[in-house]
Amino acid sequence: MSFSSTMQPDTRKLLRTGLWIFGTGSLAILAAFTVLGGVGRQGPHTNSGWLALVLAMGCLPTGTLTLVLAFMKLFADRHR
């Protein structure tokens, strides 16, 4: 039995949404450290860097919690 055959449509949507949110936060923090001026002791050096940092601070925890919920639901679906 594979994951895809036992996965409910709402579980798939939770996984996809969590990955998109977490991926957006990851790209934002990567951009803040590389192409948007870098980050020093007192924070990012540019306004765009600050915006990317705020975006990452919102997306990373939200995406992580959504992924945790999706994985818990995935394992609950497998035991039904």
C-alpha atoms as a PDB file:
ATOM      1  CA  MET A   1       0.000   0.000   0.000  1.00  0.00           C
ATOM      2  CA  SER A   2       1.515   3.323  -1.039  1.00  0.00           C
ATOM      3  CA  PHE A   3       1.039   6.778   0.425  1.00  0.00           C
ATOM      4  CA  SER A   4      -0.737   8.110  -2.641  1.00  0.00           C
ATOM      5  CA  SER A   5      -3.434   5.413  -2.597  1.00  0.00           C
ATOM      6  CA  THR A   6      -4.316   6.020   1.063  1.00  0.00           C
ATOM      7  CA  MET A   7      -3.996   9.799   1.045  1.00  0.00           C
ATOM      8  CA  GLN A   8      -7.242  11.727   1.316  1.00  0.00           C
ATOM      9  CA  PRO A   9      -7.723  14.809  -0.924  1.00  0.00           C
ATOM     10  CA  ASP A  10      -7.751  17.142   2.092  1.00  0.00           C
ATOM     11  CA  THR A  11      -4.484  15.626   3.352  1.00  0.00           C
ATOM     12  CA  ARG A  12      -2.877  16.207  -0.042  1.00  0.00           C
ATOM     13  CA  LYS A  13      -4.086  19.812   0.001  1.00  0.00           C
ATOM     14  CA  LEU A  14      -2.664  20.343   3.522  1.00  0.00           C
ATOM     15  CA  LEU A  15       0.715  18.944   2.440  1.00  0.00           C
ATOM     16  CA  ARG A  16       0.793  21.066  -0.695  1.00  0.00           C
ATOM     17  CA  THR A  17      -0.205  24.222   1.193  1.00  0.00           C
ATOM     18  CA  GLY A  18       2.322  23.614   3.971  1.00  0.00           C
ATOM     19  CA  LEU A  19       5.107  23.045   1.466  1.00  0.00           C
ATOM     20  CA  TRP A  20       4.239  26.237  -0.425  1.00  0.00           C
ATOM     21  CA  ILE A  21       4.141  28.343   2.742  1.00  0.00           C
ATOM     22  CA  PHE A  22       7.356  26.844   4.127  1.00  0.00           C
ATOM     23  CA  GLY A  23       9.063  27.150   0.724  1.00  0.00           C
ATOM     24  CA  THR A  24       8.103  30.814   0.484  1.00  0.00           C
ATOM     25  CA  GLY A  25       9.624  31.492   3.910  1.00  0.00           C
ATOM     26  CA  SER A  26      12.770  29.572   3.024  1.00  0.00           C
ATOM     27  CA  LEU A  27      13.243  31.513  -0.198  1.00  0.00           C
ATOM     28  CA  ALA A  28      12.631  34.803   1.618  1.00  0.00           C
ATOM     29  CA  ILE A  29      15.286  34.140   4.267  1.00  0.00           C
ATOM     30  CA  LEU A  30      17.714  32.882   1.626  1.00  0.00           C
ATOM     31  CA  ALA A  31      17.146  36.063  -0.389  1.00  0.00           C
ATOM     32  CA  ALA A  32      17.602  38.258   2.701  1.00  0.00           C
ATOM     33  CA  PHE A  33      20.994  36.688   3.388  1.00  0.00           C
ATOM     34  CA  THR A  34      22.226  36.702  -0.206  1.00  0.00           C
ATOM     35  CA  VAL A  35      20.757  39.071  -2.800  1.00  0.00           C
ATOM     36  CA  LEU A  36      18.974  41.618  -0.582  1.00  0.00           C
ATOM     37  CA  GLY A  37      22.012  43.081   1.142  1.00  0.00           C
ATOM     38  CA  GLY A  38      22.756  40.520   3.812  1.00  0.00           C
ATOM     39  CA  VAL A  39      22.060  40.510   7.526  1.00  0.00           C
ATOM     40  CA  GLY A  40      24.303  41.990  10.194  1.00  0.00           C
ATOM     41  CA  ARG A  41      24.193  42.124  13.992  1.00  0.00           C
ATOM     42  CA  GLN A  42      21.405  44.698  13.937  1.00  0.00           C
ATOM     43  CA  GLY A  43      19.357  43.078  11.199  1.00  0.00           C
ATOM     44  CA  PRO A  44      19.165  43.308   7.421  1.00  0.00           C
ATOM     45  CA  HIS A  45      20.973  46.135   5.661  1.00  0.00           C
ATOM     46  CA  THR A  46      18.182  47.099   3.234  1.00  0.00           C
ATOM     47  CA  ASN A  47      14.455  47.730   3.363  1.00  0.00           C
ATOM     48  CA  SER A  48      13.915  44.772   1.036  1.00  0.00           C
ATOM     49  CA  GLY A  49      15.923  42.624   3.420  1.00  0.00           C
ATOM     50  CA  TRP A  50      13.659  43.653   6.294  1.00  0.00           C
ATOM     51  CA  LEU A  51      10.592  42.825   4.230  1.00  0.00           C
ATOM     52  CA  ALA A  52      12.013  39.405   3.387  1.00  0.00           C
ATOM     53  CA  LEU A  53      12.833  38.811   7.058  1.00  0.00           C
ATOM     54  CA  VAL A  54       9.292  39.693   8.140  1.00  0.00           C
ATOM     55  CA  LEU A  55       7.881  37.445   5.412  1.00  0.00           C
ATOM     56  CA  ALA A  56      10.099  34.584   6.565  1.00  0.00           C
ATOM     57  CA  MET A  57       9.142  35.124  10.212  1.00  0.00           C
ATOM     58  CA  GLY A  58       5.500  34.717   9.238  1.00  0.00           C
ATOM     59  CA  CYS A  59       5.835  31.880   6.753  1.00  0.00           C
ATOM     60  CA  LEU A  60       8.311  29.541   8.445  1.00  0.00           C
ATOM     61  CA  PRO A  61       6.339  28.900  11.674  1.00  0.00           C
ATOM     62  CA  THR A  62       3.012  28.768   9.820  1.00  0.00           C
ATOM     63  CA  GLY A  63       4.384  26.397   7.192  1.00  0.00           C
ATOM     64  CA  THR A  64       5.987  24.188   9.835  1.00  0.00           C
ATOM     65  CA  LEU A  65       2.751  23.876  11.813  1.00  0.00           C
ATOM     66  CA  THR A  66       0.770  23.176   8.634  1.00  0.00           C
ATOM     67  CA  LEU A  67       3.231  20.442   7.657  1.00  0.00           C
ATOM     68  CA  VAL A  68       3.090  18.908  11.139  1.00  0.00           C
ATOM     69  CA  LEU A  69      -0.703  18.841  10.929  1.00  0.00           C
ATOM     70  CA  ALA A  70      -0.543  17.305   7.444  1.00  0.00           C
ATOM     71  CA  PHE A  71       1.884  14.567   8.526  1.00  0.00           C
ATOM     72  CA  MET A  72      -0.220  13.758  11.581  1.00  0.00           C
ATOM     73  CA  LYS A  73      -3.298  13.506   9.371  1.00  0.00           C
ATOM     74  CA  LEU A  74      -1.383  11.386   6.851  1.00  0.00           C
ATOM     75  CA  PHE A  75      -0.402   8.875   9.515  1.00  0.00           C
ATOM     76  CA  ALA A  76      -3.925   8.872  10.960  1.00  0.00           C
ATOM     77  CA  ASP A  77      -5.318   8.147   7.472  1.00  0.00           C
ATOM     78  CA  ARG A  78      -2.928   5.226   7.074  1.00  0.00           C
ATOM     79  CA  HIS A  79      -4.227   3.568  10.261  1.00  0.00           C
ATOM     80  CA  ARG A  80      -7.863   3.662   9.148  1.00  0.00           C
END
